[in-house]
Amino acid sequence: MVQRLHLVFGGELVDPSENVFRNVDDIHVVGIFPEYDAAYNAWKSEAQRTVDNAHMRYFIAHLHRLRDEEAEASTTEELGN
């Protein structure tokens, strides 16, 4: 079974029309969630909490899309083997 992880994070942008963070050290990592619905709820909560700041943005990163599950894993990735 493939696990589909989602990362919710956000922070203040330099310009609201671009996705460039003002200070990468201040990025707020909300958490990693095993299903999209939980990630969406966390994202929505943070987005609503910061709605008064037009420069604040939160995102959902689909971590499961960052790697190819069909590709052979490296030895460092398969630590138990």
PDB file of N, CA and C in Angstrom:
ATOM      1  N   MET A   1       0.837  -1.188   0.000  1.00  0.00           N
ATOM      2  CA  MET A   1       0.000   0.000   0.000  1.00  0.00           C
ATOM      3  C   MET A   1       0.882   1.251   0.000  1.00  0.00           C
ATOM      4  N   VAL A   2       0.559   2.187  -0.827  1.00  0.00           N
ATOM      5  CA  VAL A   2       1.288   3.447  -0.915  1.00  0.00           C
ATOM      6  C   VAL A   2       0.694   4.433   0.083  1.00  0.00           C
ATOM      7  N   GLN A   3       1.572   5.053   0.860  1.00  0.00           N
ATOM      8  CA  GLN A   3       1.110   6.065   1.811  1.00  0.00           C
ATOM      9  C   GLN A   3       1.188   7.427   1.139  1.00  0.00           C
ATOM     10  N   ARG A   4       0.134   8.187   1.219  1.00  0.00           N
ATOM     11  CA  ARG A   4       0.078   9.490   0.580  1.00  0.00           C
ATOM     12  C   ARG A   4       0.156  10.579   1.651  1.00  0.00           C
ATOM     13  N   LEU A   5       1.352  11.123   1.835  1.00  0.00           N
ATOM     14  CA  LEU A   5       1.572  12.140   2.864  1.00  0.00           C
ATOM     15  C   LEU A   5       1.425  13.540   2.276  1.00  0.00           C
ATOM     16  N   HIS A   6       0.917  14.448   3.110  1.00  0.00           N
ATOM     17  CA  HIS A   6       0.698  15.837   2.708  1.00  0.00           C
ATOM     18  C   HIS A   6       1.304  16.758   3.764  1.00  0.00           C
ATOM     19  N   LEU A   7       2.114  17.713   3.325  1.00  0.00           N
ATOM     20  CA  LEU A   7       2.747  18.686   4.209  1.00  0.00           C
ATOM     21  C   LEU A   7       1.992  20.010   4.105  1.00  0.00           C
ATOM     22  N   VAL A   8       1.611  20.564   5.245  1.00  0.00           N
ATOM     23  CA  VAL A   8       0.956  21.878   5.276  1.00  0.00           C
ATOM     24  C   VAL A   8       1.944  22.861   5.887  1.00  0.00           C
ATOM     25  N   PHE A   9       2.217  23.936   5.158  1.00  0.00           N
ATOM     26  CA  PHE A   9       3.175  24.934   5.620  1.00  0.00           C
ATOM     27  C   PHE A   9       2.794  26.302   5.064  1.00  0.00           C
ATOM     28  N   GLY A  10       3.359  27.341   5.642  1.00  0.00           N
ATOM     29  CA  GLY A  10       3.064  28.678   5.144  1.00  0.00           C
ATOM     30  C   GLY A  10       3.941  29.719   5.796  1.00  0.00           C
ATOM     31  N   GLY A  11       3.731  30.941   5.364  1.00  0.00           N
ATOM     32  CA  GLY A  11       4.497  32.049   5.902  1.00  0.00           C
ATOM     33  C   GLY A  11       4.187  33.324   5.153  1.00  0.00           C
ATOM     34  N   GLU A  12       4.926  34.346   5.495  1.00  0.00           N
ATOM     35  CA  GLU A  12       4.715  35.659   4.892  1.00  0.00           C
ATOM     36  C   GLU A  12       5.471  35.756   3.569  1.00  0.00           C
ATOM     37  N   LEU A  13       4.781  36.213   2.544  1.00  0.00           N
ATOM     38  CA  LEU A  13       5.372  36.365   1.222  1.00  0.00           C
ATOM     39  C   LEU A  13       5.900  37.774   1.018  1.00  0.00           C
ATOM     40  N   VAL A  14       6.903  37.902   0.160  1.00  0.00           N
ATOM     41  CA  VAL A  14       7.446  39.216  -0.191  1.00  0.00           C
ATOM     42  C   VAL A  14       6.377  40.024  -0.917  1.00  0.00           C
ATOM     43  N   ASP A  15       5.694  39.370  -1.847  1.00  0.00           N
ATOM     44  CA  ASP A  15       4.656  40.004  -2.661  1.00  0.00           C
ATOM     45  C   ASP A  15       3.500  39.006  -2.776  1.00  0.00           C
ATOM     46  N   PRO A  16       2.281  39.410  -2.460  1.00  0.00           N
ATOM     47  CA  PRO A  16       1.158  38.471  -2.502  1.00  0.00           C
ATOM     48  C   PRO A  16       0.899  37.860  -3.876  1.00  0.00           C
ATOM     49  N   SER A  17       1.438  38.428  -4.933  1.00  0.00           N
ATOM     50  CA  SER A  17       1.216  37.893  -6.276  1.00  0.00           C
ATOM     51  C   SER A  17       2.267  36.849  -6.670  1.00  0.00           C
ATOM     52  N   GLU A  18       3.229  36.583  -5.780  1.00  0.00           N
ATOM     53  CA  GLU A  18       4.278  35.596  -6.051  1.00  0.00           C
ATOM     54  C   GLU A  18       4.440  34.672  -4.856  1.00  0.00           C
ATOM     55  N   ASN A  19       4.991  33.496  -5.086  1.00  0.00           N
ATOM     56  CA  ASN A  19       5.202  32.529  -4.002  1.00  0.00           C
ATOM     57  C   ASN A  19       6.654  32.543  -3.519  1.00  0.00           C
ATOM     58  N   VAL A  20       7.104  33.708  -3.058  1.00  0.00           N
ATOM     59  CA  VAL A  20       8.461  33.868  -2.528  1.00  0.00           C
ATOM     60  C   VAL A  20       8.328  34.304  -1.071  1.00  0.00           C
ATOM     61  N   PHE A  21       8.867  33.499  -0.167  1.00  0.00           N
ATOM     62  CA  PHE A  21       8.752  33.810   1.256  1.00  0.00           C
ATOM     63  C   PHE A  21       9.684  34.952   1.654  1.00  0.00           C
ATOM     64  N   ARG A  22       9.182  35.807   2.542  1.00  0.00           N
ATOM     65  CA  ARG A  22       9.970  36.931   3.041  1.00  0.00           C
ATOM     66  C   ARG A  22      11.180  36.419   3.825  1.00  0.00           C
ATOM     67  N   ASN A  23      10.970  35.435   4.675  1.00  0.00           N
ATOM     68  CA  ASN A  23      12.057  34.880   5.485  1.00  0.00           C
ATOM     69  C   ASN A  23      11.830  33.380   5.624  1.00  0.00           C
ATOM     70  N   VAL A  24      12.662  32.607   4.969  1.00  0.00           N
ATOM     71  CA  VAL A  24      12.509  31.153   4.978  1.00  0.00           C
ATOM     72  C   VAL A  24      12.631  30.589   6.392  1.00  0.00           C
ATOM     73  N   ASP A  25      13.416  31.229   7.245  1.00  0.00           N
ATOM     74  CA  ASP A  25      13.571  30.765   8.630  1.00  0.00           C
ATOM     75  C   ASP A  25      12.269  30.878   9.422  1.00  0.00           C
ATOM     76  N   ASP A  26      11.341  31.693   8.962  1.00  0.00           N
ATOM     77  CA  ASP A  26      10.073  31.894   9.664  1.00  0.00           C
ATOM     78  C   ASP A  26       8.918  31.077   9.080  1.00  0.00           C
ATOM     79  N   ILE A  27       9.198  30.148   8.176  1.00  0.00           N
ATOM     80  CA  ILE A  27       8.129  29.324   7.610  1.00  0.00           C
ATOM     81  C   ILE A  27       7.501  28.493   8.723  1.00  0.00           C
ATOM     82  N   HIS A  28       6.189  28.521   8.760  1.00  0.00           N
ATOM     83  CA  HIS A  28       5.432  27.783   9.770  1.00  0.00           C
ATOM     84  C   HIS A  28       5.056  26.423   9.195  1.00  0.00           C
ATOM     85  N   VAL A  29       5.623  25.363   9.768  1.00  0.00           N
ATOM     86  CA  VAL A  29       5.267  24.007   9.366  1.00  0.00           C
ATOM     87  C   VAL A  29       4.112  23.571  10.261  1.00  0.00           C
ATOM     88  N   VAL A  30       2.946  23.440   9.681  1.00  0.00           N
ATOM     89  CA  VAL A  30       1.753  23.057  10.427  1.00  0.00           C
ATOM     90  C   VAL A  30       1.828  21.573  10.766  1.00  0.00           C
ATOM     91  N   GLY A  31       2.206  20.750   9.780  1.00  0.00           N
ATOM     92  CA  GLY A  31       2.336  19.324  10.036  1.00  0.00           C
ATOM     93  C   GLY A  31       2.276  18.494   8.776  1.00  0.00           C
ATOM     94  N   ILE A  32       2.461  17.192   8.970  1.00  0.00           N
ATOM     95  CA  ILE A  32       2.359  16.213   7.895  1.00  0.00           C
ATOM     96  C   ILE A  32       1.146  15.347   8.186  1.00  0.00           C
ATOM     97  N   PHE A  33       0.320  15.157   7.169  1.00  0.00           N
ATOM     98  CA  PHE A  33      -0.957  14.475   7.344  1.00  0.00           C
ATOM     99  C   PHE A  33      -1.071  13.289   6.395  1.00  0.00           C
ATOM    100  N   PRO A  34      -1.651  12.177   6.862  1.00  0.00           N
ATOM    101  CA  PRO A  34      -1.715  10.963   6.048  1.00  0.00           C
ATOM    102  C   PRO A  34      -2.809  10.964   4.984  1.00  0.00           C
ATOM    103  N   GLU A  35      -3.732  11.888   5.065  1.00  0.00           N
ATOM    104  CA  GLU A  35      -4.741  11.966   4.020  1.00  0.00           C
ATOM    105  C   GLU A  35      -5.042  13.425   3.700  1.00  0.00           C
ATOM    106  N   TYR A  36      -5.500  13.643   2.476  1.00  0.00           N
ATOM    107  CA  TYR A  36      -5.719  14.994   1.987  1.00  0.00           C
ATOM    108  C   TYR A  36      -6.751  15.754   2.814  1.00  0.00           C
ATOM    109  N   ASP A  37      -7.816  15.104   3.215  1.00  0.00           N
ATOM    110  CA  ASP A  37      -8.871  15.794   3.966  1.00  0.00           C
ATOM    111  C   ASP A  37      -8.341  16.421   5.251  1.00  0.00           C
ATOM    112  N   ALA A  38      -7.493  15.707   5.978  1.00  0.00           N
ATOM    113  CA  ALA A  38      -6.907  16.242   7.212  1.00  0.00           C
ATOM    114  C   ALA A  38      -5.968  17.407   6.890  1.00  0.00           C
ATOM    115  N   ALA A  39      -5.204  17.274   5.807  1.00  0.00           N
ATOM    116  CA  ALA A  39      -4.302  18.357   5.395  1.00  0.00           C
ATOM    117  C   ALA A  39      -5.110  19.591   4.992  1.00  0.00           C
ATOM    118  N   TYR A  40      -6.183  19.372   4.268  1.00  0.00           N
ATOM    119  CA  TYR A  40      -7.030  20.474   3.836  1.00  0.00           C
ATOM    120  C   TYR A  40      -7.629  21.210   5.039  1.00  0.00           C
ATOM    121  N   ASN A  41      -8.102  20.467   6.021  1.00  0.00           N
ATOM    122  CA  ASN A  41      -8.679  21.090   7.212  1.00  0.00           C
ATOM    123  C   ASN A  41      -7.639  21.913   7.971  1.00  0.00           C
ATOM    124  N   ALA A  42      -6.412  21.400   8.063  1.00  0.00           N
ATOM    125  CA  ALA A  42      -5.330  22.146   8.731  1.00  0.00           C
ATOM    126  C   ALA A  42      -4.988  23.395   7.931  1.00  0.00           C
ATOM    127  N   TRP A  43      -4.904  23.254   6.604  1.00  0.00           N
ATOM    128  CA  TRP A  43      -4.620  24.401   5.744  1.00  0.00           C
ATOM    129  C   TRP A  43      -5.699  25.472   5.892  1.00  0.00           C
ATOM    130  N   LYS A  44      -6.943  25.053   5.852  1.00  0.00           N
ATOM    131  CA  LYS A  44      -8.069  25.993   5.945  1.00  0.00           C
ATOM    132  C   LYS A  44      -8.053  26.736   7.273  1.00  0.00           C
ATOM    133  N   SER A  45      -7.768  26.020   8.342  1.00  0.00           N
ATOM    134  CA  SER A  45      -7.711  26.631   9.668  1.00  0.00           C
ATOM    135  C   SER A  45      -6.642  27.718   9.730  1.00  0.00           C
ATOM    136  N   GLU A  46      -5.457  27.417   9.222  1.00  0.00           N
ATOM    137  CA  GLU A  46      -4.362  28.406   9.241  1.00  0.00           C
ATOM    138  C   GLU A  46      -4.651  29.564   8.293  1.00  0.00           C
ATOM    139  N   ALA A  47      -5.206  29.276   7.131  1.00  0.00           N
ATOM    140  CA  ALA A  47      -5.535  30.333   6.175  1.00  0.00           C
ATOM    141  C   ALA A  47      -6.578  31.287   6.761  1.00  0.00           C
ATOM    142  N   GLN A  48      -7.571  30.740   7.440  1.00  0.00           N
ATOM    143  CA  GLN A  48      -8.592  31.586   8.046  1.00  0.00           C
ATOM    144  C   GLN A  48      -8.040  32.372   9.230  1.00  0.00           C
ATOM    145  N   ARG A  49      -7.123  31.767   9.972  1.00  0.00           N
ATOM    146  CA  ARG A  49      -6.526  32.436  11.129  1.00  0.00           C
ATOM    147  C   ARG A  49      -5.705  33.657  10.705  1.00  0.00           C
ATOM    148  N   THR A  50      -5.123  33.614   9.508  1.00  0.00           N
ATOM    149  CA  THR A  50      -4.245  34.695   9.045  1.00  0.00           C
ATOM    150  C   THR A  50      -4.872  35.515   7.921  1.00  0.00           C
ATOM    151  N   VAL A  51      -6.183  35.451   7.769  1.00  0.00           N
ATOM    152  CA  VAL A  51      -6.871  36.092   6.644  1.00  0.00           C
ATOM    153  C   VAL A  51      -6.656  37.612   6.605  1.00  0.00           C
ATOM    154  N   ASP A  52      -6.405  38.238   7.735  1.00  0.00           N
ATOM    155  CA  ASP A  52      -6.232  39.692   7.760  1.00  0.00           C
ATOM    156  C   ASP A  52      -4.879  40.155   7.227  1.00  0.00           C
ATOM    157  N   ASN A  53      -3.936  39.239   7.021  1.00  0.00           N
ATOM    158  CA  ASN A  53      -2.624  39.590   6.491  1.00  0.00           C
ATOM    159  C   ASN A  53      -2.546  39.090   5.045  1.00  0.00           C
ATOM    160  N   ALA A  54      -2.626  40.007   4.094  1.00  0.00           N
ATOM    161  CA  ALA A  54      -2.652  39.636   2.673  1.00  0.00           C
ATOM    162  C   ALA A  54      -1.358  38.976   2.214  1.00  0.00           C
ATOM    163  N   HIS A  55      -0.284  39.128   2.974  1.00  0.00           N
ATOM    164  CA  HIS A  55       1.002  38.545   2.597  1.00  0.00           C
ATOM    165  C   HIS A  55       1.190  37.116   3.119  1.00  0.00           C
ATOM    166  N   MET A  56       0.287  36.665   3.977  1.00  0.00           N
ATOM    167  CA  MET A  56       0.407  35.303   4.525  1.00  0.00           C
ATOM    168  C   MET A  56      -0.258  34.311   3.580  1.00  0.00           C
ATOM    169  N   ARG A  57       0.451  33.207   3.323  1.00  0.00           N
ATOM    170  CA  ARG A  57      -0.095  32.140   2.483  1.00  0.00           C
ATOM    171  C   ARG A  57       0.273  30.793   3.078  1.00  0.00           C
ATOM    172  N   TYR A  58      -0.651  29.876   2.993  1.00  0.00           N
ATOM    173  CA  TYR A  58      -0.412  28.490   3.406  1.00  0.00           C
ATOM    174  C   TYR A  58      -0.605  27.588   2.196  1.00  0.00           C
ATOM    175  N   PHE A  59       0.133  26.495   2.180  1.00  0.00           N
ATOM    176  CA  PHE A  59       0.160  25.582   1.040  1.00  0.00           C
ATOM    177  C   PHE A  59       0.039  24.145   1.516  1.00  0.00           C
ATOM    178  N   ILE A  60      -0.440  23.293   0.610  1.00  0.00           N
ATOM    179  CA  ILE A  60      -0.436  21.849   0.835  1.00  0.00           C
ATOM    180  C   ILE A  60       0.516  21.260  -0.196  1.00  0.00           C
ATOM    181  N   ALA A  61       1.574  20.609   0.284  1.00  0.00           N
ATOM    182  CA  ALA A  61       2.518  19.927  -0.608  1.00  0.00           C
ATOM    183  C   ALA A  61       2.195  18.442  -0.584  1.00  0.00           C
ATOM    184  N   HIS A  62       2.016  17.867  -1.738  1.00  0.00           N
ATOM    185  CA  HIS A  62       1.724  16.443  -1.853  1.00  0.00           C
ATOM    186  C   HIS A  62       3.050  15.685  -1.861  1.00  0.00           C
ATOM    187  N   LEU A  63       3.523  15.302  -0.672  1.00  0.00           N
ATOM    188  CA  LEU A  63       4.827  14.667  -0.552  1.00  0.00           C
ATOM    189  C   LEU A  63       4.917  13.378  -1.347  1.00  0.00           C
ATOM    190  N   HIS A  64       3.820  12.664  -1.473  1.00  0.00           N
ATOM    191  CA  HIS A  64       3.831  11.407  -2.212  1.00  0.00           C
ATOM    192  C   HIS A  64       4.105  11.622  -3.699  1.00  0.00           C
ATOM    193  N   ARG A  65       3.941  12.818  -4.187  1.00  0.00           N
ATOM    194  CA  ARG A  65       4.204  13.089  -5.608  1.00  0.00           C
ATOM    195  C   ARG A  65       5.672  13.422  -5.862  1.00  0.00           C
ATOM    196  N   LEU A  66       6.453  13.555  -4.810  1.00  0.00           N
ATOM    197  CA  LEU A  66       7.857  13.936  -4.967  1.00  0.00           C
ATOM    198  C   LEU A  66       8.764  12.759  -5.305  1.00  0.00           C
ATOM    199  N   ARG A  67       8.250  11.552  -5.183  1.00  0.00           N
ATOM    200  CA  ARG A  67       9.083  10.395  -5.495  1.00  0.00           C
ATOM    201  C   ARG A  67       8.300   9.388  -6.332  1.00  0.00           C
ATOM    202  N   ASP A  68       9.040   8.645  -7.086  1.00  0.00           N
ATOM    203  CA  ASP A  68       8.449   7.632  -7.951  1.00  0.00           C
ATOM    204  C   ASP A  68       8.474   6.307  -7.211  1.00  0.00           C
ATOM    205  N   GLU A  69       7.314   5.818  -6.825  1.00  0.00           N
ATOM    206  CA  GLU A  69       7.226   4.574  -6.054  1.00  0.00           C
ATOM    207  C   GLU A  69       7.683   3.360  -6.861  1.00  0.00           C
ATOM    208  N   GLU A  70       7.705   3.479  -8.180  1.00  0.00           N
ATOM    209  CA  GLU A  70       8.124   2.362  -9.029  1.00  0.00           C
ATOM    210  C   GLU A  70       9.644   2.278  -9.165  1.00  0.00           C
ATOM    211  N   ALA A  71      10.346   3.382  -8.884  1.00  0.00           N
ATOM    212  CA  ALA A  71      11.805   3.391  -9.013  1.00  0.00           C
ATOM    213  C   ALA A  71      12.443   2.632  -7.855  1.00  0.00           C
ATOM    214  N   GLU A  72      13.559   1.975  -8.152  1.00  0.00           N
ATOM    215  CA  GLU A  72      14.275   1.231  -7.124  1.00  0.00           C
ATOM    216  C   GLU A  72      14.830   2.216  -6.089  1.00  0.00           C
ATOM    217  N   ALA A  73      14.686   1.879  -4.823  1.00  0.00           N
ATOM    218  CA  ALA A  73      15.137   2.754  -3.735  1.00  0.00           C
ATOM    219  C   ALA A  73      16.642   2.611  -3.522  1.00  0.00           C
ATOM    220  N   SER A  74      17.254   3.669  -3.042  1.00  0.00           N
ATOM    221  CA  SER A  74      18.684   3.619  -2.726  1.00  0.00           C
ATOM    222  C   SER A  74      18.894   2.880  -1.409  1.00  0.00           C
ATOM    223  N   THR A  75      20.124   2.481  -1.135  1.00  0.00           N
ATOM    224  CA  THR A  75      20.405   1.756   0.099  1.00  0.00           C
ATOM    225  C   THR A  75      20.184   2.628   1.323  1.00  0.00           C
ATOM    226  N   THR A  76      20.394   3.927   1.208  1.00  0.00           N
ATOM    227  CA  THR A  76      20.145   4.805   2.361  1.00  0.00           C
ATOM    228  C   THR A  76      18.667   4.969   2.622  1.00  0.00           C
ATOM    229  N   GLU A  77      17.869   4.807   1.591  1.00  0.00           N
ATOM    230  CA  GLU A  77      16.420   4.925   1.756  1.00  0.00           C
ATOM    231  C   GLU A  77      15.839   3.671   2.389  1.00  0.00           C
ATOM    232  N   GLU A  78      16.435   2.545   2.127  1.00  0.00           N
ATOM    233  CA  GLU A  78      15.992   1.263   2.655  1.00  0.00           C
ATOM    234  C   GLU A  78      16.880   0.869   3.817  1.00  0.00           C
ATOM    235  N   LEU A  79      16.859   1.629   4.898  1.00  0.00           N
ATOM    236  CA  LEU A  79      17.787   1.435   6.023  1.00  0.00           C
ATOM    237  C   LEU A  79      17.699   0.055   6.658  1.00  0.00           C
ATOM    238  N   GLY A  80      16.569  -0.579   6.595  1.00  0.00           N
ATOM    239  CA  GLY A  80      16.409  -1.881   7.236  1.00  0.00           C
ATOM    240  C   GLY A  80      17.010  -3.021   6.434  1.00  0.00           C
ATOM    241  N   ASN A  81      17.401  -2.794   5.196  1.00  0.00           N
ATOM    242  CA  ASN A  81      17.894  -3.877   4.327  1.00  0.00           C
ATOM    243  C   ASN A  81      19.386  -3.838   4.159  1.00  0.00           C
TER     244      ASN A  81
END
